[in-house]
Amino acid sequence: MATKRMRRVAAMAALVALSITFIMPFMWMLSTSFKHESRIFPPPGEPPYWMPVTDVRDEKGRLLVQYGGKVVPDLGVDDFGLHRLLVDGEEVGAWDHEVEPLLRSGLHWENYRRAFEMMDFRRNLKNTLFICFAAVLGTVLSSAIVAYSFARIPWRGRDAVFILVLATMMLPYQVTLIPLFSLYSRLGWVGSFKPLIVPYWFGVPFYIFLLRQFFKGIPEDLSAAARIDGCSEFGIFARIILPLSKPALATTALFMFLFQWGDFLNPLIYLQDHTQYTLAVALQQFQSQHENAWGPLMAMGTVITLPVIALFFLAQRTFIQGITLSGLKG
């Protein structure tokens, strides 16, 4: 009994250690998003700063800095990059290395304010949500219809076609990238949202497989009883199969939403106007344009990541149920 308990404790300790390892990058990003820029990178020989720190201001809202052993207000930076300091009632110019900001423990919300000023977050979020919801709707509807045909309707060559559909999953995306781009270019879709939405309205092999496995687990007697009552095949699909398949449909929707939310390569290839950029592409552009703005960059990265984490935890039970009942158990 004691040995079994020790094994359980050891397993839990190992899982906790692995969890901490995986969560460390996110915690570092979150911590950095609330740090003053002078504490993001520690001086040589000093350990990293984990606790957030922010600046100190006087009653007039002016930034306080240390200069020449004194605490003085900083009036801003002039055109030459000199800090305009108010020392003993007189304005003095000083370079960055001569000034040390006065800091205290606290959350530096200035990073988030600067991030939203530097990036057109509202437009990028609107583009991302439009692509996500359109792709999710198309994937769920088309994949469910195809999966129902493979799972519940007998027709000649069904298994061979299903194997062919699964075989398309073996092709690396890099192999089809150039032919797809050439096709969409001939159709005049490059520079629009169509390449990111329309293909998902014709079924996605992985989700077809997932939904097929779930549909096959629903008793055939329900469909037979509905046919006796005069229900059509589409009626059986809409009134019986879909209501019983909510966990699998929710899992499909969640998977597709997460993929589209974090997709970077496809929007980068097909979108040419910065007003069409999604959050993933806009964040990369933000990094390339503001290389030294690590605080705002981490702040925007946190803002983009938190909705995904919240969505997963809210749909965790349905997500796990859909995976296990679809035959994808480990």
C-alpha atoms as a PDB file:
ATOM      1  CA  MET A   1       0.000   0.000   0.000  1.00  0.00           C
ATOM      2  CA  ALA A   2       2.822   2.369   0.943  1.00  0.00           C
ATOM      3  CA  THR A   3       4.685   1.532  -2.258  1.00  0.00           C
ATOM      4  CA  LYS A   4       1.605   2.294  -4.337  1.00  0.00           C
ATOM      5  CA  ARG A   5       1.160   5.615  -2.559  1.00  0.00           C
ATOM      6  CA  MET A   6       4.808   6.528  -3.111  1.00  0.00           C
ATOM      7  CA  ARG A   7       4.475   5.784  -6.804  1.00  0.00           C
ATOM      8  CA  ARG A   8       1.422   7.985  -6.989  1.00  0.00           C
ATOM      9  CA  VAL A   9       3.199  10.822  -5.182  1.00  0.00           C
ATOM     10  CA  ALA A  10       6.225  10.451  -7.485  1.00  0.00           C
ATOM     11  CA  ALA A  11       3.980  10.533 -10.562  1.00  0.00           C
ATOM     12  CA  MET A  12       2.207  13.658  -9.316  1.00  0.00           C
ATOM     13  CA  ALA A  13       5.558  15.323  -8.538  1.00  0.00           C
ATOM     14  CA  ALA A  14       6.793  14.535 -12.052  1.00  0.00           C
ATOM     15  CA  LEU A  15       3.610  15.965 -13.600  1.00  0.00           C
ATOM     16  CA  VAL A  16       3.883  19.122 -11.499  1.00  0.00           C
ATOM     17  CA  ALA A  17       7.523  19.557 -12.528  1.00  0.00           C
ATOM     18  CA  LEU A  18       6.642  19.124 -16.204  1.00  0.00           C
ATOM     19  CA  SER A  19       3.716  21.541 -15.854  1.00  0.00           C
ATOM     20  CA  ILE A  20       5.995  24.180 -14.349  1.00  0.00           C
ATOM     21  CA  THR A  21       8.477  23.657 -17.177  1.00  0.00           C
ATOM     22  CA  PHE A  22       5.814  24.175 -19.839  1.00  0.00           C
ATOM     23  CA  ILE A  23       4.219  27.164 -18.113  1.00  0.00           C
ATOM     24  CA  MET A  24       7.511  28.998 -17.486  1.00  0.00           C
ATOM     25  CA  PRO A  25       7.681  30.729 -20.930  1.00  0.00           C
ATOM     26  CA  PHE A  26       4.134  32.051 -20.554  1.00  0.00           C
ATOM     27  CA  MET A  27       4.796  33.252 -16.986  1.00  0.00           C
ATOM     28  CA  TRP A  28       7.971  34.994 -18.172  1.00  0.00           C
ATOM     29  CA  MET A  29       6.033  36.714 -20.967  1.00  0.00           C
ATOM     30  CA  LEU A  30       3.320  37.778 -18.510  1.00  0.00           C
ATOM     31  CA  SER A  31       5.876  39.045 -16.013  1.00  0.00           C
ATOM     32  CA  THR A  32       7.827  40.927 -18.691  1.00  0.00           C
ATOM     33  CA  SER A  33       4.665  42.621 -19.933  1.00  0.00           C
ATOM     34  CA  PHE A  34       4.374  44.335 -16.529  1.00  0.00           C
ATOM     35  CA  LYS A  35       8.043  45.330 -16.150  1.00  0.00           C
ATOM     36  CA  HIS A  36       9.657  48.668 -16.692  1.00  0.00           C
ATOM     37  CA  GLU A  37      11.913  48.546 -19.767  1.00  0.00           C
ATOM     38  CA  SER A  38      15.038  49.050 -17.634  1.00  0.00           C
ATOM     39  CA  ARG A  39      14.370  45.774 -15.787  1.00  0.00           C
ATOM     40  CA  ILE A  40      13.500  43.515 -18.717  1.00  0.00           C
ATOM     41  CA  PHE A  41      17.163  42.633 -19.320  1.00  0.00           C
ATOM     42  CA  PRO A  42      19.208  42.477 -16.107  1.00  0.00           C
ATOM     43  CA  PRO A  43      22.757  43.913 -15.946  1.00  0.00           C
ATOM     44  CA  PRO A  44      25.581  41.428 -16.613  1.00  0.00           C
ATOM     45  CA  GLY A  45      26.145  39.092 -13.701  1.00  0.00           C
ATOM     46  CA  GLU A  46      22.730  39.656 -12.114  1.00  0.00           C
ATOM     47  CA  PRO A  47      19.851  37.141 -12.147  1.00  0.00           C
ATOM     48  CA  PRO A  48      16.662  37.875 -14.131  1.00  0.00           C
ATOM     49  CA  TYR A  49      13.987  39.987 -12.485  1.00  0.00           C
ATOM     50  CA  TRP A  50      10.772  38.008 -12.060  1.00  0.00           C
ATOM     51  CA  MET A  51       8.748  40.501 -10.044  1.00  0.00           C
ATOM     52  CA  PRO A  52       7.164  43.337 -12.076  1.00  0.00           C
ATOM     53  CA  VAL A  53       8.392  46.866 -11.370  1.00  0.00           C
ATOM     54  CA  THR A  54       7.032  50.215 -12.502  1.00  0.00           C
ATOM     55  CA  ASP A  55       8.179  53.827 -12.458  1.00  0.00           C
ATOM     56  CA  VAL A  56       7.570  56.414  -9.759  1.00  0.00           C
ATOM     57  CA  ARG A  57       5.942  59.775 -10.546  1.00  0.00           C
ATOM     58  CA  ASP A  58       5.410  62.963  -8.589  1.00  0.00           C
ATOM     59  CA  GLU A  59       2.112  64.660  -7.796  1.00  0.00           C
ATOM     60  CA  LYS A  60       2.132  66.287 -11.246  1.00  0.00           C
ATOM     61  CA  GLY A  61       2.542  62.950 -13.016  1.00  0.00           C
ATOM     62  CA  ARG A  62       6.166  63.577 -13.991  1.00  0.00           C
ATOM     63  CA  LEU A  63       8.593  60.667 -14.101  1.00  0.00           C
ATOM     64  CA  LEU A  64      11.130  60.670 -11.270  1.00  0.00           C
ATOM     65  CA  VAL A  65      14.725  59.672 -11.995  1.00  0.00           C
ATOM     66  CA  GLN A  66      18.041  59.590 -10.171  1.00  0.00           C
ATOM     67  CA  TYR A  67      20.661  62.002 -11.477  1.00  0.00           C
ATOM     68  CA  GLY A  68      23.849  63.013  -9.711  1.00  0.00           C
ATOM     69  CA  GLY A  69      22.705  61.438  -6.458  1.00  0.00           C
ATOM     70  CA  LYS A  70      19.424  63.374  -6.503  1.00  0.00           C
ATOM     71  CA  VAL A  71      15.826  62.398  -7.303  1.00  0.00           C
ATOM     72  CA  VAL A  72      14.575  64.837  -9.941  1.00  0.00           C
ATOM     73  CA  PRO A  73      11.597  64.943 -12.351  1.00  0.00           C
ATOM     74  CA  ASP A  74      12.118  64.053 -16.002  1.00  0.00           C
ATOM     75  CA  LEU A  75      10.326  66.486 -18.342  1.00  0.00           C
ATOM     76  CA  GLY A  76      10.812  64.280 -21.419  1.00  0.00           C
ATOM     77  CA  VAL A  77      13.336  63.837 -24.221  1.00  0.00           C
ATOM     78  CA  ASP A  78      14.309  66.584 -26.650  1.00  0.00           C
ATOM     79  CA  ASP A  79      15.058  66.281 -30.363  1.00  0.00           C
ATOM     80  CA  PHE A  80      18.685  65.310 -29.657  1.00  0.00           C
ATOM     81  CA  GLY A  81      17.756  62.417 -27.331  1.00  0.00           C
ATOM     82  CA  LEU A  82      18.685  64.284 -24.130  1.00  0.00           C
ATOM     83  CA  HIS A  83      16.526  63.919 -21.030  1.00  0.00           C
ATOM     84  CA  ARG A  84      15.223  67.276 -19.843  1.00  0.00           C
ATOM     85  CA  LEU A  85      15.699  67.160 -16.076  1.00  0.00           C
ATOM     86  CA  LEU A  86      14.520  69.735 -13.573  1.00  0.00           C
ATOM     87  CA  VAL A  87      17.432  70.101 -11.130  1.00  0.00           C
ATOM     88  CA  ASP A  88      17.143  72.749  -8.397  1.00  0.00           C
ATOM     89  CA  GLY A  89      14.652  74.716 -10.450  1.00  0.00           C
ATOM     90  CA  GLU A  90      16.766  74.676 -13.617  1.00  0.00           C
ATOM     91  CA  GLU A  91      16.393  72.499 -16.700  1.00  0.00           C
ATOM     92  CA  VAL A  92      19.405  70.253 -17.377  1.00  0.00           C
ATOM     93  CA  GLY A  93      20.084  67.897 -20.271  1.00  0.00           C
ATOM     94  CA  ALA A  94      21.369  64.366 -19.622  1.00  0.00           C
ATOM     95  CA  TRP A  95      22.036  61.242 -21.690  1.00  0.00           C
ATOM     96  CA  ASP A  96      20.448  57.863 -21.028  1.00  0.00           C
ATOM     97  CA  HIS A  97      23.481  56.405 -19.261  1.00  0.00           C
ATOM     98  CA  GLU A  98      23.500  59.337 -16.836  1.00  0.00           C
ATOM     99  CA  VAL A  99      19.902  58.799 -15.748  1.00  0.00           C
ATOM    100  CA  GLU A 100      18.523  55.955 -13.638  1.00  0.00           C
ATOM    101  CA  PRO A 101      14.696  55.697 -13.388  1.00  0.00           C
ATOM    102  CA  LEU A 102      13.267  55.504  -9.880  1.00  0.00           C
ATOM    103  CA  LEU A 103      11.365  52.224  -9.636  1.00  0.00           C
ATOM    104  CA  ARG A 104       9.044  50.463  -7.209  1.00  0.00           C
ATOM    105  CA  SER A 105       7.264  47.112  -7.084  1.00  0.00           C
ATOM    106  CA  GLY A 106       4.065  47.217  -9.102  1.00  0.00           C
ATOM    107  CA  LEU A 107       2.455  46.577 -12.480  1.00  0.00           C
ATOM    108  CA  HIS A 108       3.773  48.710 -15.315  1.00  0.00           C
ATOM    109  CA  TRP A 109       0.556  49.216 -17.300  1.00  0.00           C
ATOM    110  CA  GLU A 110       2.369  51.634 -19.591  1.00  0.00           C
ATOM    111  CA  ASN A 111       3.483  48.670 -21.739  1.00  0.00           C
ATOM    112  CA  TYR A 112      -0.146  47.808 -22.546  1.00  0.00           C
ATOM    113  CA  ARG A 113      -1.043  51.413 -23.334  1.00  0.00           C
ATOM    114  CA  ARG A 114       1.926  51.745 -25.689  1.00  0.00           C
ATOM    115  CA  ALA A 115       1.154  48.372 -27.305  1.00  0.00           C
ATOM    116  CA  PHE A 116      -2.382  49.409 -28.243  1.00  0.00           C
ATOM    117  CA  GLU A 117      -1.064  52.720 -29.586  1.00  0.00           C
ATOM    118  CA  MET A 118       1.591  51.045 -31.737  1.00  0.00           C
ATOM    119  CA  MET A 119      -0.689  48.339 -33.163  1.00  0.00           C
ATOM    120  CA  ASP A 120      -4.119  48.592 -34.794  1.00  0.00           C
ATOM    121  CA  PHE A 121      -5.478  45.938 -32.460  1.00  0.00           C
ATOM    122  CA  ARG A 122      -9.171  46.511 -33.123  1.00  0.00           C
ATOM    123  CA  ARG A 123      -8.862  46.070 -36.892  1.00  0.00           C
ATOM    124  CA  ASN A 124      -6.556  43.047 -36.567  1.00  0.00           C
ATOM    125  CA  LEU A 125      -8.895  41.424 -34.044  1.00  0.00           C
ATOM    126  CA  LYS A 126     -11.871  42.025 -36.334  1.00  0.00           C
ATOM    127  CA  ASN A 127     -10.057  40.367 -39.252  1.00  0.00           C
ATOM    128  CA  THR A 128      -8.984  37.409 -37.118  1.00  0.00           C
ATOM    129  CA  LEU A 129     -12.452  36.794 -35.688  1.00  0.00           C
ATOM    130  CA  PHE A 130     -14.057  37.020 -39.128  1.00  0.00           C
ATOM    131  CA  ILE A 131     -11.680  34.427 -40.564  1.00  0.00           C
ATOM    132  CA  CYS A 132     -11.990  32.198 -37.480  1.00  0.00           C
ATOM    133  CA  PHE A 133     -15.781  32.103 -37.367  1.00  0.00           C
ATOM    134  CA  ALA A 134     -16.179  31.723 -41.137  1.00  0.00           C
ATOM    135  CA  ALA A 135     -13.658  28.871 -41.253  1.00  0.00           C
ATOM    136  CA  VAL A 136     -15.134  27.186 -38.166  1.00  0.00           C
ATOM    137  CA  LEU A 137     -18.665  27.317 -39.570  1.00  0.00           C
ATOM    138  CA  GLY A 138     -17.560  25.946 -42.936  1.00  0.00           C
ATOM    139  CA  THR A 139     -15.450  23.190 -41.382  1.00  0.00           C
ATOM    140  CA  VAL A 140     -18.159  21.967 -39.018  1.00  0.00           C
ATOM    141  CA  LEU A 141     -20.906  21.914 -41.655  1.00  0.00           C
ATOM    142  CA  SER A 142     -18.951  20.422 -44.548  1.00  0.00           C
ATOM    143  CA  SER A 143     -16.971  17.904 -42.492  1.00  0.00           C
ATOM    144  CA  ALA A 144     -20.106  16.720 -40.680  1.00  0.00           C
ATOM    145  CA  ILE A 145     -21.958  16.106 -43.954  1.00  0.00           C
ATOM    146  CA  VAL A 146     -19.052  14.189 -45.506  1.00  0.00           C
ATOM    147  CA  ALA A 147     -18.446  12.226 -42.305  1.00  0.00           C
ATOM    148  CA  TYR A 148     -22.118  11.230 -42.157  1.00  0.00           C
ATOM    149  CA  SER A 149     -21.899   9.886 -45.679  1.00  0.00           C
ATOM    150  CA  PHE A 150     -18.836   7.801 -44.807  1.00  0.00           C
ATOM    151  CA  ALA A 151     -20.272   6.550 -41.513  1.00  0.00           C
ATOM    152  CA  ARG A 152     -24.006   5.960 -42.100  1.00  0.00           C
ATOM    153  CA  ILE A 153     -24.782   5.720 -45.820  1.00  0.00           C
ATOM    154  CA  PRO A 154     -23.635   2.571 -47.679  1.00  0.00           C
ATOM    155  CA  TRP A 155     -22.495   3.236 -51.254  1.00  0.00           C
ATOM    156  CA  ARG A 156     -20.116   1.540 -53.655  1.00  0.00           C
ATOM    157  CA  GLY A 157     -16.491   2.521 -53.210  1.00  0.00           C
ATOM    158  CA  ARG A 158     -17.106   4.280 -49.907  1.00  0.00           C
ATOM    159  CA  ASP A 159     -14.140   2.760 -48.063  1.00  0.00           C
ATOM    160  CA  ALA A 160     -11.779   3.389 -50.976  1.00  0.00           C
ATOM    161  CA  VAL A 161     -12.780   7.043 -51.153  1.00  0.00           C
ATOM    162  CA  PHE A 162     -12.401   7.368 -47.386  1.00  0.00           C
ATOM    163  CA  ILE A 163      -8.857   5.988 -47.595  1.00  0.00           C
ATOM    164  CA  LEU A 164      -8.147   8.471 -50.381  1.00  0.00           C
ATOM    165  CA  VAL A 165      -9.392  11.314 -48.187  1.00  0.00           C
ATOM    166  CA  LEU A 166      -7.136  10.183 -45.346  1.00  0.00           C
ATOM    167  CA  ALA A 167      -4.208   9.879 -47.755  1.00  0.00           C
ATOM    168  CA  THR A 168      -4.383  13.610 -48.448  1.00  0.00           C
ATOM    169  CA  MET A 169      -3.323  14.158 -44.829  1.00  0.00           C
ATOM    170  CA  MET A 170       0.041  12.573 -45.636  1.00  0.00           C
ATOM    171  CA  LEU A 171       0.990  15.348 -48.060  1.00  0.00           C
ATOM    172  CA  PRO A 172       3.125  18.013 -46.340  1.00  0.00           C
ATOM    173  CA  TYR A 173       1.720  21.495 -46.613  1.00  0.00           C
ATOM    174  CA  GLN A 174       4.925  22.688 -48.275  1.00  0.00           C
ATOM    175  CA  VAL A 175       4.235  20.336 -51.212  1.00  0.00           C
ATOM    176  CA  THR A 176       0.844  21.886 -52.009  1.00  0.00           C
ATOM    177  CA  LEU A 177       1.756  25.468 -51.118  1.00  0.00           C
ATOM    178  CA  ILE A 178       2.964  26.601 -54.559  1.00  0.00           C
ATOM    179  CA  PRO A 179       0.191  24.859 -56.581  1.00  0.00           C
ATOM    180  CA  LEU A 180      -2.446  26.308 -54.257  1.00  0.00           C
ATOM    181  CA  PHE A 181      -0.980  29.788 -54.503  1.00  0.00           C
ATOM    182  CA  SER A 182      -0.913  29.503 -58.302  1.00  0.00           C
ATOM    183  CA  LEU A 183      -4.553  28.359 -58.320  1.00  0.00           C
ATOM    184  CA  TYR A 184      -5.749  31.126 -56.007  1.00  0.00           C
ATOM    185  CA  SER A 185      -3.763  33.668 -57.996  1.00  0.00           C
ATOM    186  CA  ARG A 186      -5.489  32.611 -61.231  1.00  0.00           C
ATOM    187  CA  LEU A 187      -8.850  32.882 -59.474  1.00  0.00           C
ATOM    188  CA  GLY A 188      -7.979  36.391 -58.300  1.00  0.00           C
ATOM    189  CA  TRP A 189      -8.258  35.457 -54.636  1.00  0.00           C
ATOM    190  CA  VAL A 190      -4.766  36.519 -53.534  1.00  0.00           C
ATOM    191  CA  GLY A 191      -5.088  39.688 -51.503  1.00  0.00           C
ATOM    192  CA  SER A 192      -8.472  38.692 -50.045  1.00  0.00           C
ATOM    193  CA  PHE A 193      -9.801  36.475 -47.263  1.00  0.00           C
ATOM    194  CA  LYS A 194     -11.115  33.834 -49.692  1.00  0.00           C
ATOM    195  CA  PRO A 195      -8.068  31.483 -49.626  1.00  0.00           C
ATOM    196  CA  LEU A 196      -8.333  31.456 -45.829  1.00  0.00           C
ATOM    197  CA  ILE A 197     -12.061  30.633 -45.719  1.00  0.00           C
ATOM    198  CA  VAL A 198     -13.433  28.981 -48.876  1.00  0.00           C
ATOM    199  CA  PRO A 199     -11.332  25.747 -48.769  1.00  0.00           C
ATOM    200  CA  TYR A 200     -12.742  24.887 -45.345  1.00  0.00           C
ATOM    201  CA  TRP A 201     -16.273  24.780 -46.775  1.00  0.00           C
ATOM    202  CA  PHE A 202     -15.322  21.618 -48.707  1.00  0.00           C
ATOM    203  CA  GLY A 203     -14.372  19.422 -45.767  1.00  0.00           C
ATOM    204  CA  VAL A 204     -11.148  18.910 -43.816  1.00  0.00           C
ATOM    205  CA  PRO A 205      -9.796  15.319 -43.761  1.00  0.00           C
ATOM    206  CA  PHE A 206      -8.832  15.218 -40.085  1.00  0.00           C
ATOM    207  CA  TYR A 207     -12.217  16.484 -38.890  1.00  0.00           C
ATOM    208  CA  ILE A 208     -14.011  14.182 -41.333  1.00  0.00           C
ATOM    209  CA  PHE A 209     -12.196  11.268 -39.710  1.00  0.00           C
ATOM    210  CA  LEU A 210     -12.943  12.515 -36.185  1.00  0.00           C
ATOM    211  CA  LEU A 211     -16.659  13.012 -36.852  1.00  0.00           C
ATOM    212  CA  ARG A 212     -16.943   9.723 -38.760  1.00  0.00           C
ATOM    213  CA  GLN A 213     -15.609   7.846 -35.740  1.00  0.00           C
ATOM    214  CA  PHE A 214     -18.158   9.556 -33.512  1.00  0.00           C
ATOM    215  CA  PHE A 215     -21.075   8.964 -35.898  1.00  0.00           C
ATOM    216  CA  LYS A 216     -20.239   5.271 -36.123  1.00  0.00           C
ATOM    217  CA  GLY A 217     -20.665   5.021 -32.347  1.00  0.00           C
ATOM    218  CA  ILE A 218     -24.297   6.174 -32.502  1.00  0.00           C
ATOM    219  CA  PRO A 219     -26.675   3.158 -32.567  1.00  0.00           C
ATOM    220  CA  GLU A 220     -28.061   2.315 -35.998  1.00  0.00           C
ATOM    221  CA  ASP A 221     -31.421   1.542 -34.409  1.00  0.00           C
ATOM    222  CA  LEU A 222     -32.111   5.252 -34.042  1.00  0.00           C
ATOM    223  CA  SER A 223     -31.682   5.814 -37.768  1.00  0.00           C
ATOM    224  CA  ALA A 224     -33.745   2.722 -38.617  1.00  0.00           C
ATOM    225  CA  ALA A 225     -36.603   3.892 -36.373  1.00  0.00           C
ATOM    226  CA  ALA A 226     -36.526   7.308 -38.014  1.00  0.00           C
ATOM    227  CA  ARG A 227     -36.679   5.770 -41.489  1.00  0.00           C
ATOM    228  CA  ILE A 228     -39.701   3.706 -40.475  1.00  0.00           C
ATOM    229  CA  ASP A 229     -41.394   6.926 -39.394  1.00  0.00           C
ATOM    230  CA  GLY A 230     -40.741   8.365 -42.849  1.00  0.00           C
ATOM    231  CA  CYS A 231     -37.802  10.600 -41.997  1.00  0.00           C
ATOM    232  CA  SER A 232     -35.456  11.415 -44.879  1.00  0.00           C
ATOM    233  CA  GLU A 233     -31.711  10.893 -44.732  1.00  0.00           C
ATOM    234  CA  PHE A 234     -31.129  14.598 -44.289  1.00  0.00           C
ATOM    235  CA  GLY A 235     -33.766  14.660 -41.553  1.00  0.00           C
ATOM    236  CA  ILE A 236     -31.974  11.852 -39.716  1.00  0.00           C
ATOM    237  CA  PHE A 237     -28.724  13.763 -40.020  1.00  0.00           C
ATOM    238  CA  ALA A 238     -30.170  17.062 -38.817  1.00  0.00           C
ATOM    239  CA  ARG A 239     -32.610  15.833 -36.132  1.00  0.00           C
ATOM    240  CA  ILE A 240     -30.839  12.794 -34.684  1.00  0.00           C
ATOM    241  CA  ILE A 241     -27.140  12.637 -35.528  1.00  0.00           C
ATOM    242  CA  LEU A 242     -26.173  16.275 -35.044  1.00  0.00           C
ATOM    243  CA  PRO A 243     -27.931  16.763 -31.667  1.00  0.00           C
ATOM    244  CA  LEU A 244     -26.215  13.613 -30.348  1.00  0.00           C
ATOM    245  CA  SER A 245     -22.829  14.747 -31.668  1.00  0.00           C
ATOM    246  CA  LYS A 246     -22.429  18.017 -29.804  1.00  0.00           C
ATOM    247  CA  PRO A 247     -19.159  16.983 -28.065  1.00  0.00           C
ATOM    248  CA  ALA A 248     -17.510  16.004 -31.371  1.00  0.00           C
ATOM    249  CA  LEU A 249     -18.816  19.107 -33.145  1.00  0.00           C
ATOM    250  CA  ALA A 250     -17.568  21.311 -30.288  1.00  0.00           C
ATOM    251  CA  THR A 251     -14.163  19.638 -30.471  1.00  0.00           C
ATOM    252  CA  THR A 252     -13.996  20.256 -34.214  1.00  0.00           C
ATOM    253  CA  ALA A 253     -14.973  23.890 -33.756  1.00  0.00           C
ATOM    254  CA  LEU A 254     -12.429  24.364 -30.965  1.00  0.00           C
ATOM    255  CA  PHE A 255      -9.595  22.765 -32.922  1.00  0.00           C
ATOM    256  CA  MET A 256     -10.310  24.870 -35.998  1.00  0.00           C
ATOM    257  CA  PHE A 257     -10.706  28.089 -34.009  1.00  0.00           C
ATOM    258  CA  LEU A 258      -7.371  27.575 -32.261  1.00  0.00           C
ATOM    259  CA  PHE A 259      -5.663  26.802 -35.573  1.00  0.00           C
ATOM    260  CA  GLN A 260      -7.054  29.864 -37.314  1.00  0.00           C
ATOM    261  CA  TRP A 261      -6.364  32.129 -34.331  1.00  0.00           C
ATOM    262  CA  GLY A 262      -2.681  31.242 -34.308  1.00  0.00           C
ATOM    263  CA  ASP A 263      -2.197  30.680 -38.056  1.00  0.00           C
ATOM    264  CA  PHE A 264       0.671  32.797 -39.345  1.00  0.00           C
ATOM    265  CA  LEU A 265       1.860  31.287 -42.634  1.00  0.00           C
ATOM    266  CA  ASN A 266      -1.386  31.377 -44.636  1.00  0.00           C
ATOM    267  CA  PRO A 267      -2.336  35.008 -43.836  1.00  0.00           C
ATOM    268  CA  LEU A 268       1.260  36.042 -44.463  1.00  0.00           C
ATOM    269  CA  ILE A 269       1.178  34.473 -47.941  1.00  0.00           C
ATOM    270  CA  TYR A 270      -2.284  35.482 -49.125  1.00  0.00           C
ATOM    271  CA  LEU A 271      -2.916  38.856 -47.444  1.00  0.00           C
ATOM    272  CA  GLN A 272      -1.134  41.814 -49.015  1.00  0.00           C
ATOM    273  CA  ASP A 273      -2.791  44.861 -47.437  1.00  0.00           C
ATOM    274  CA  HIS A 274      -1.882  45.738 -43.840  1.00  0.00           C
ATOM    275  CA  THR A 275      -5.547  46.555 -43.171  1.00  0.00           C
ATOM    276  CA  GLN A 276      -6.327  42.835 -43.717  1.00  0.00           C
ATOM    277  CA  TYR A 277      -3.668  41.478 -41.361  1.00  0.00           C
ATOM    278  CA  THR A 278      -4.643  39.052 -38.627  1.00  0.00           C
ATOM    279  CA  LEU A 279      -3.295  39.255 -35.084  1.00  0.00           C
ATOM    280  CA  ALA A 280      -0.513  36.749 -35.761  1.00  0.00           C
ATOM    281  CA  VAL A 281       0.823  38.646 -38.781  1.00  0.00           C
ATOM    282  CA  ALA A 282       0.319  42.033 -37.132  1.00  0.00           C
ATOM    283  CA  LEU A 283       2.315  40.867 -34.102  1.00  0.00           C
ATOM    284  CA  GLN A 284       5.222  39.845 -36.343  1.00  0.00           C
ATOM    285  CA  GLN A 285       5.065  43.217 -38.104  1.00  0.00           C
ATOM    286  CA  PHE A 286       4.989  44.888 -34.702  1.00  0.00           C
ATOM    287  CA  GLN A 287       8.171  43.076 -33.716  1.00  0.00           C
ATOM    288  CA  SER A 288       9.979  43.976 -36.941  1.00  0.00           C
ATOM    289  CA  GLN A 289       9.029  47.659 -36.695  1.00  0.00           C
ATOM    290  CA  HIS A 290       9.686  48.068 -32.956  1.00  0.00           C
ATOM    291  CA  GLU A 291      12.648  45.791 -32.290  1.00  0.00           C
ATOM    292  CA  ASN A 292      13.523  47.270 -28.875  1.00  0.00           C
ATOM    293  CA  ALA A 293       9.975  47.657 -27.526  1.00  0.00           C
ATOM    294  CA  TRP A 294      10.069  44.388 -25.596  1.00  0.00           C
ATOM    295  CA  GLY A 295       7.598  45.490 -22.944  1.00  0.00           C
ATOM    296  CA  PRO A 296       4.802  46.412 -25.386  1.00  0.00           C
ATOM    297  CA  LEU A 297       5.622  43.315 -27.476  1.00  0.00           C
ATOM    298  CA  MET A 298       5.196  41.022 -24.464  1.00  0.00           C
ATOM    299  CA  ALA A 299       2.034  42.909 -23.493  1.00  0.00           C
ATOM    300  CA  MET A 300       0.465  42.368 -26.920  1.00  0.00           C
ATOM    301  CA  GLY A 301       1.601  38.730 -26.918  1.00  0.00           C
ATOM    302  CA  THR A 302      -0.177  38.254 -23.584  1.00  0.00           C
ATOM    303  CA  VAL A 303      -3.356  39.893 -24.876  1.00  0.00           C
ATOM    304  CA  ILE A 304      -3.403  37.586 -27.912  1.00  0.00           C
ATOM    305  CA  THR A 305      -2.652  34.447 -25.881  1.00  0.00           C
ATOM    306  CA  LEU A 306      -5.124  34.888 -22.996  1.00  0.00           C
ATOM    307  CA  PRO A 307      -8.345  34.387 -25.057  1.00  0.00           C
ATOM    308  CA  VAL A 308      -7.048  31.032 -26.322  1.00  0.00           C
ATOM    309  CA  ILE A 309      -6.226  29.858 -22.786  1.00  0.00           C
ATOM    310  CA  ALA A 310      -9.598  31.016 -21.476  1.00  0.00           C
ATOM    311  CA  LEU A 311     -11.445  29.319 -24.336  1.00  0.00           C
ATOM    312  CA  PHE A 312      -9.663  26.016 -23.734  1.00  0.00           C
ATOM    313  CA  PHE A 313     -10.456  25.991 -20.010  1.00  0.00           C
ATOM    314  CA  LEU A 314     -14.100  26.926 -20.608  1.00  0.00           C
ATOM    315  CA  ALA A 315     -14.525  24.144 -23.182  1.00  0.00           C
ATOM    316  CA  GLN A 316     -12.177  21.643 -21.548  1.00  0.00           C
ATOM    317  CA  ARG A 317     -14.833  19.144 -20.490  1.00  0.00           C
ATOM    318  CA  THR A 318     -16.557  19.130 -23.886  1.00  0.00           C
ATOM    319  CA  PHE A 319     -13.187  18.982 -25.645  1.00  0.00           C
ATOM    320  CA  ILE A 320     -12.004  15.901 -23.713  1.00  0.00           C
ATOM    321  CA  GLN A 321     -15.373  14.196 -24.113  1.00  0.00           C
ATOM    322  CA  GLY A 322     -15.329  14.738 -27.866  1.00  0.00           C
ATOM    323  CA  ILE A 323     -11.812  13.352 -28.191  1.00  0.00           C
ATOM    324  CA  THR A 324     -12.431  10.209 -26.127  1.00  0.00           C
ATOM    325  CA  LEU A 325     -15.794   9.359 -27.687  1.00  0.00           C
ATOM    326  CA  SER A 326     -14.381   9.840 -31.188  1.00  0.00           C
ATOM    327  CA  GLY A 327     -11.979   6.951 -30.836  1.00  0.00           C
ATOM    328  CA  LEU A 328      -8.840   9.087 -30.571  1.00  0.00           C
ATOM    329  CA  LYS A 329      -7.886   7.897 -27.105  1.00  0.00           C
ATOM    330  CA  GLY A 330      -4.223   7.382 -26.345  1.00  0.00           C
END
